[in-house]
Amino acid sequence: MRWNLRMKAAEQGIWKSTEMRRRLAEAGLEISAGKMSALWTGTPTMVRLDDLDVFCVVLDCRPDDLLVREPDKVAARRPAKTATARQKTTTPRPAPGRRRSTPPV
């Protein structure tokens, strides 16, 4: 995912994080200067849904405008399949759990 806050803010004429912080406060979301700086300059590892809702109201956008999917990066993370890995056959493993013996005759 790519965090697109600065681009959406620029589209609304917001060029500084302090202005964004002020508008968020007017909408009821108080953010510390440090947290606002982190949101403004980098990609957050976590965003509360309630906070995301306020960002969307202030910027007049949708969540998918702020959180942009990057499927190419996901595909690049997958391990490459090698020819030998495809040729291997695996023997079926018994199901996990309690092993039961056969009933007496």
N, C-alpha and C. Protein backbone atom coordinates (compact mmCIF):
# COMPACT_ATOMS: atom_id res chain seq x y z
N MET A 1 0.84 -1.18 0.00
CA MET A 1 0.00 0.00 0.00
C MET A 1 0.89 1.24 0.00
N ARG A 2 0.39 2.24 -0.67
CA ARG A 2 1.08 3.53 -0.69
C ARG A 2 0.18 4.54 0.00
N TRP A 3 0.75 5.31 0.93
CA TRP A 3 0.04 6.34 1.67
C TRP A 3 0.09 7.61 0.84
N ASN A 4 -1.06 8.12 0.47
CA ASN A 4 -1.16 9.22 -0.49
C ASN A 4 -1.65 10.52 0.16
N LEU A 5 -1.35 10.73 1.43
CA LEU A 5 -1.87 11.88 2.16
C LEU A 5 -1.42 13.21 1.56
N ARG A 6 -0.14 13.36 1.28
CA ARG A 6 0.36 14.65 0.81
C ARG A 6 -0.23 15.04 -0.53
N MET A 7 -0.42 14.07 -1.42
CA MET A 7 -0.99 14.38 -2.73
C MET A 7 -2.45 14.82 -2.59
N LYS A 8 -3.22 14.10 -1.79
CA LYS A 8 -4.63 14.48 -1.60
C LYS A 8 -4.73 15.83 -0.89
N ALA A 9 -3.84 16.09 0.05
CA ALA A 9 -3.84 17.38 0.74
C ALA A 9 -3.50 18.51 -0.24
N ALA A 10 -2.53 18.27 -1.10
CA ALA A 10 -2.15 19.29 -2.09
C ALA A 10 -3.31 19.60 -3.03
N GLU A 11 -4.08 18.58 -3.38
CA GLU A 11 -5.25 18.80 -4.24
C GLU A 11 -6.28 19.70 -3.57
N GLN A 12 -6.27 19.75 -2.24
CA GLN A 12 -7.19 20.61 -1.49
C GLN A 12 -6.54 21.93 -1.08
N GLY A 13 -5.32 22.18 -1.57
CA GLY A 13 -4.62 23.42 -1.25
C GLY A 13 -3.93 23.42 0.10
N ILE A 14 -3.71 22.24 0.65
CA ILE A 14 -3.02 22.12 1.94
C ILE A 14 -1.58 21.72 1.64
N TRP A 15 -0.65 22.62 1.93
CA TRP A 15 0.74 22.39 1.58
C TRP A 15 1.62 22.11 2.79
N LYS A 16 1.13 22.36 3.99
CA LYS A 16 1.94 22.16 5.19
C LYS A 16 1.20 21.26 6.17
N SER A 17 1.97 20.48 6.90
CA SER A 17 1.37 19.56 7.87
C SER A 17 0.66 20.32 8.98
N THR A 18 1.14 21.52 9.31
CA THR A 18 0.48 22.31 10.35
C THR A 18 -0.93 22.72 9.93
N GLU A 19 -1.10 23.04 8.66
CA GLU A 19 -2.43 23.37 8.15
C GLU A 19 -3.34 22.15 8.18
N MET A 20 -2.80 21.00 7.82
CA MET A 20 -3.58 19.76 7.86
C MET A 20 -3.97 19.45 9.29
N ARG A 21 -3.05 19.61 10.20
CA ARG A 21 -3.31 19.34 11.62
C ARG A 21 -4.41 20.27 12.14
N ARG A 22 -4.38 21.53 11.74
CA ARG A 22 -5.40 22.49 12.16
C ARG A 22 -6.77 22.08 11.64
N ARG A 23 -6.84 21.68 10.38
CA ARG A 23 -8.13 21.27 9.81
C ARG A 23 -8.66 19.99 10.45
N LEU A 24 -7.77 19.08 10.76
CA LEU A 24 -8.19 17.86 11.46
C LEU A 24 -8.74 18.20 12.84
N ALA A 25 -8.09 19.14 13.53
CA ALA A 25 -8.56 19.55 14.86
C ALA A 25 -9.95 20.18 14.75
N GLU A 26 -10.19 20.98 13.71
CA GLU A 26 -11.50 21.58 13.50
C GLU A 26 -12.57 20.52 13.28
N ALA A 27 -12.16 19.39 12.72
CA ALA A 27 -13.09 18.29 12.46
C ALA A 27 -13.21 17.35 13.66
N GLY A 28 -12.45 17.63 14.73
CA GLY A 28 -12.57 16.82 15.94
C GLY A 28 -11.48 15.81 16.18
N LEU A 29 -10.41 15.85 15.38
CA LEU A 29 -9.31 14.89 15.56
C LEU A 29 -8.05 15.65 15.96
N GLU A 30 -7.69 15.52 17.22
CA GLU A 30 -6.47 16.15 17.74
C GLU A 30 -5.30 15.19 17.54
N ILE A 31 -4.31 15.64 16.79
CA ILE A 31 -3.12 14.82 16.52
C ILE A 31 -1.90 15.59 17.01
N SER A 32 -0.99 14.90 17.69
CA SER A 32 0.23 15.55 18.15
C SER A 32 1.08 15.96 16.96
N ALA A 33 1.97 16.92 17.18
CA ALA A 33 2.84 17.39 16.11
C ALA A 33 3.73 16.26 15.59
N GLY A 34 4.21 15.42 16.52
CA GLY A 34 5.07 14.31 16.11
C GLY A 34 4.34 13.30 15.25
N LYS A 35 3.12 12.93 15.66
CA LYS A 35 2.35 11.97 14.87
C LYS A 35 1.96 12.55 13.52
N MET A 36 1.62 13.85 13.49
CA MET A 36 1.27 14.48 12.23
C MET A 36 2.47 14.51 11.30
N SER A 37 3.64 14.77 11.85
CA SER A 37 4.86 14.77 11.04
C SER A 37 5.11 13.39 10.45
N ALA A 38 4.90 12.34 11.24
CA ALA A 38 5.10 10.97 10.75
C ALA A 38 4.09 10.64 9.65
N LEU A 39 2.83 11.04 9.84
CA LEU A 39 1.81 10.78 8.82
C LEU A 39 2.09 11.58 7.55
N TRP A 40 2.64 12.77 7.70
CA TRP A 40 2.88 13.66 6.57
C TRP A 40 4.09 13.21 5.74
N THR A 41 5.13 12.72 6.41
CA THR A 41 6.37 12.42 5.71
C THR A 41 6.56 10.96 5.33
N GLY A 42 5.83 10.06 5.97
CA GLY A 42 6.06 8.65 5.70
C GLY A 42 4.77 7.87 5.56
N THR A 43 4.92 6.56 5.48
CA THR A 43 3.78 5.67 5.38
C THR A 43 3.53 5.06 6.75
N PRO A 44 2.35 5.27 7.31
CA PRO A 44 2.07 4.72 8.64
C PRO A 44 1.92 3.21 8.58
N THR A 45 2.29 2.55 9.66
CA THR A 45 2.09 1.10 9.74
C THR A 45 0.67 0.79 10.18
N MET A 46 0.02 1.78 10.81
CA MET A 46 -1.33 1.57 11.29
C MET A 46 -2.08 2.90 11.28
N VAL A 47 -3.33 2.86 10.85
CA VAL A 47 -4.21 4.03 10.90
C VAL A 47 -5.54 3.56 11.44
N ARG A 48 -6.02 4.22 12.50
CA ARG A 48 -7.33 3.86 13.05
C ARG A 48 -8.41 4.22 12.04
N LEU A 49 -9.42 3.37 11.93
CA LEU A 49 -10.50 3.63 10.98
C LEU A 49 -11.24 4.92 11.29
N ASP A 50 -11.42 5.22 12.57
CA ASP A 50 -12.07 6.48 12.94
C ASP A 50 -11.25 7.67 12.45
N ASP A 51 -9.92 7.58 12.59
CA ASP A 51 -9.05 8.66 12.12
C ASP A 51 -9.08 8.76 10.60
N LEU A 52 -9.08 7.62 9.94
CA LEU A 52 -9.14 7.61 8.47
C LEU A 52 -10.42 8.27 7.98
N ASP A 53 -11.49 8.05 8.70
CA ASP A 53 -12.77 8.67 8.35
C ASP A 53 -12.67 10.20 8.41
N VAL A 54 -12.01 10.72 9.44
CA VAL A 54 -11.85 12.18 9.57
C VAL A 54 -10.94 12.71 8.46
N PHE A 55 -9.86 12.00 8.15
CA PHE A 55 -9.00 12.41 7.04
C PHE A 55 -9.82 12.53 5.75
N CYS A 56 -10.67 11.55 5.51
CA CYS A 56 -11.47 11.55 4.28
C CYS A 56 -12.47 12.71 4.26
N VAL A 57 -13.05 13.05 5.41
CA VAL A 57 -13.98 14.17 5.47
C VAL A 57 -13.23 15.48 5.20
N VAL A 58 -12.09 15.66 5.85
CA VAL A 58 -11.32 16.89 5.69
C VAL A 58 -10.82 17.06 4.26
N LEU A 59 -10.39 15.96 3.65
CA LEU A 59 -9.84 16.03 2.30
C LEU A 59 -10.87 15.78 1.20
N ASP A 60 -12.12 15.54 1.62
CA ASP A 60 -13.19 15.28 0.67
C ASP A 60 -12.79 14.17 -0.31
N CYS A 61 -12.42 13.04 0.28
CA CYS A 61 -11.97 11.91 -0.55
C CYS A 61 -12.48 10.61 0.05
N ARG A 62 -12.09 9.51 -0.56
CA ARG A 62 -12.45 8.17 -0.08
C ARG A 62 -11.21 7.48 0.45
N PRO A 63 -11.36 6.42 1.26
CA PRO A 63 -10.18 5.72 1.78
C PRO A 63 -9.24 5.21 0.68
N ASP A 64 -9.81 4.78 -0.45
CA ASP A 64 -8.93 4.28 -1.51
C ASP A 64 -8.17 5.40 -2.22
N ASP A 65 -8.50 6.66 -1.93
CA ASP A 65 -7.69 7.76 -2.43
C ASP A 65 -6.44 7.95 -1.57
N LEU A 66 -6.54 7.61 -0.29
CA LEU A 66 -5.41 7.74 0.63
C LEU A 66 -4.56 6.48 0.69
N LEU A 67 -5.19 5.33 0.57
CA LEU A 67 -4.50 4.04 0.61
C LEU A 67 -4.54 3.44 -0.78
N VAL A 68 -3.46 3.57 -1.51
CA VAL A 68 -3.42 3.14 -2.91
C VAL A 68 -2.79 1.76 -2.98
N ARG A 69 -3.51 0.84 -3.60
CA ARG A 69 -3.01 -0.54 -3.76
C ARG A 69 -1.82 -0.56 -4.70
N GLU A 70 -0.89 -1.47 -4.44
CA GLU A 70 0.28 -1.68 -5.30
C GLU A 70 0.45 -3.18 -5.56
N PRO A 71 -0.35 -3.75 -6.46
CA PRO A 71 -0.29 -5.20 -6.69
C PRO A 71 1.06 -5.68 -7.23
N ASP A 72 1.80 -4.83 -7.92
CA ASP A 72 3.11 -5.24 -8.44
C ASP A 72 4.08 -5.55 -7.30
N LYS A 73 4.00 -4.77 -6.23
CA LYS A 73 4.87 -5.03 -5.08
C LYS A 73 4.49 -6.34 -4.40
N VAL A 74 3.22 -6.65 -4.37
CA VAL A 74 2.77 -7.91 -3.77
C VAL A 74 3.30 -9.08 -4.60
N ALA A 75 3.20 -8.96 -5.92
CA ALA A 75 3.68 -10.03 -6.81
C ALA A 75 5.18 -10.22 -6.67
N ALA A 76 5.91 -9.14 -6.45
CA ALA A 76 7.36 -9.23 -6.33
C ALA A 76 7.78 -9.94 -5.04
N ARG A 77 6.92 -9.96 -4.04
CA ARG A 77 7.25 -10.61 -2.77
C ARG A 77 7.11 -12.12 -2.83
N ARG A 78 6.35 -12.61 -3.80
CA ARG A 78 6.15 -14.06 -3.89
C ARG A 78 7.45 -14.75 -4.27
N PRO A 79 7.74 -15.90 -3.65
CA PRO A 79 8.95 -16.62 -4.02
C PRO A 79 8.82 -17.19 -5.43
N ALA A 80 9.91 -17.13 -6.14
CA ALA A 80 9.91 -17.65 -7.51
C ALA A 80 9.86 -19.17 -7.47
N LYS A 81 9.08 -19.75 -8.37
CA LYS A 81 8.99 -21.21 -8.45
C LYS A 81 10.12 -21.70 -9.35
N THR A 82 10.86 -22.68 -8.86
CA THR A 82 11.96 -23.24 -9.65
C THR A 82 11.47 -24.51 -10.34
N ALA A 83 12.18 -24.92 -11.34
CA ALA A 83 11.81 -26.12 -12.09
C ALA A 83 11.83 -27.35 -11.18
N THR A 84 12.81 -27.45 -10.29
CA THR A 84 12.89 -28.62 -9.42
C THR A 84 11.75 -28.63 -8.41
N ALA A 85 11.32 -27.49 -7.98
CA ALA A 85 10.21 -27.44 -7.02
C ALA A 85 8.92 -27.91 -7.66
N ARG A 86 8.73 -27.62 -8.94
CA ARG A 86 7.51 -28.07 -9.62
C ARG A 86 7.54 -29.56 -9.88
N GLN A 87 8.74 -30.15 -10.06
CA GLN A 87 8.85 -31.56 -10.39
C GLN A 87 8.69 -32.45 -9.16
N LYS A 88 8.95 -31.92 -7.99
CA LYS A 88 8.85 -32.73 -6.77
C LYS A 88 7.41 -33.15 -6.55
N THR A 89 7.29 -34.39 -6.15
CA THR A 89 5.96 -34.88 -5.75
C THR A 89 6.01 -35.10 -4.25
N THR A 90 4.97 -34.73 -3.60
CA THR A 90 4.95 -34.88 -2.15
C THR A 90 4.07 -36.05 -1.79
N THR A 91 4.48 -36.76 -0.78
CA THR A 91 3.65 -37.86 -0.30
C THR A 91 2.61 -37.27 0.65
N PRO A 92 1.40 -37.77 0.58
CA PRO A 92 0.37 -37.20 1.45
C PRO A 92 0.68 -37.47 2.91
N ARG A 93 0.51 -36.48 3.73
CA ARG A 93 0.73 -36.62 5.16
C ARG A 93 -0.59 -36.94 5.83
N PRO A 94 -0.52 -37.71 6.92
CA PRO A 94 -1.76 -37.98 7.65
C PRO A 94 -2.28 -36.67 8.26
N ALA A 95 -3.56 -36.62 8.41
CA ALA A 95 -4.18 -35.43 8.97
C ALA A 95 -3.71 -35.23 10.41
N PRO A 96 -3.49 -33.99 10.81
CA PRO A 96 -3.05 -33.77 12.19
C PRO A 96 -4.17 -34.10 13.17
N GLY A 97 -3.77 -34.39 14.35
CA GLY A 97 -4.77 -34.71 15.37
C GLY A 97 -4.48 -36.03 16.03
N ARG A 98 -5.47 -36.58 16.69
CA ARG A 98 -5.32 -37.81 17.44
C ARG A 98 -5.30 -39.00 16.50
N ARG A 99 -4.29 -39.84 16.63
CA ARG A 99 -4.16 -41.05 15.82
C ARG A 99 -4.97 -42.15 16.49
N ARG A 100 -5.76 -42.84 15.73
CA ARG A 100 -6.58 -43.92 16.30
C ARG A 100 -6.13 -45.25 15.71
N SER A 101 -6.13 -46.23 16.57
CA SER A 101 -5.76 -47.56 16.09
C SER A 101 -6.99 -48.21 15.45
N THR A 102 -6.75 -49.28 14.74
CA THR A 102 -7.87 -49.99 14.12
C THR A 102 -8.62 -50.78 15.19
N PRO A 103 -9.92 -50.96 15.03
CA PRO A 103 -10.69 -51.68 16.04
C PRO A 103 -10.30 -53.16 16.08
N PRO A 104 -10.47 -53.81 17.25
CA PRO A 104 -10.14 -55.25 17.34
C PRO A 104 -11.11 -56.08 16.50
N VAL A 105 -10.62 -57.25 16.06
CA VAL A 105 -11.40 -58.13 15.23
C VAL A 105 -12.24 -59.08 16.03
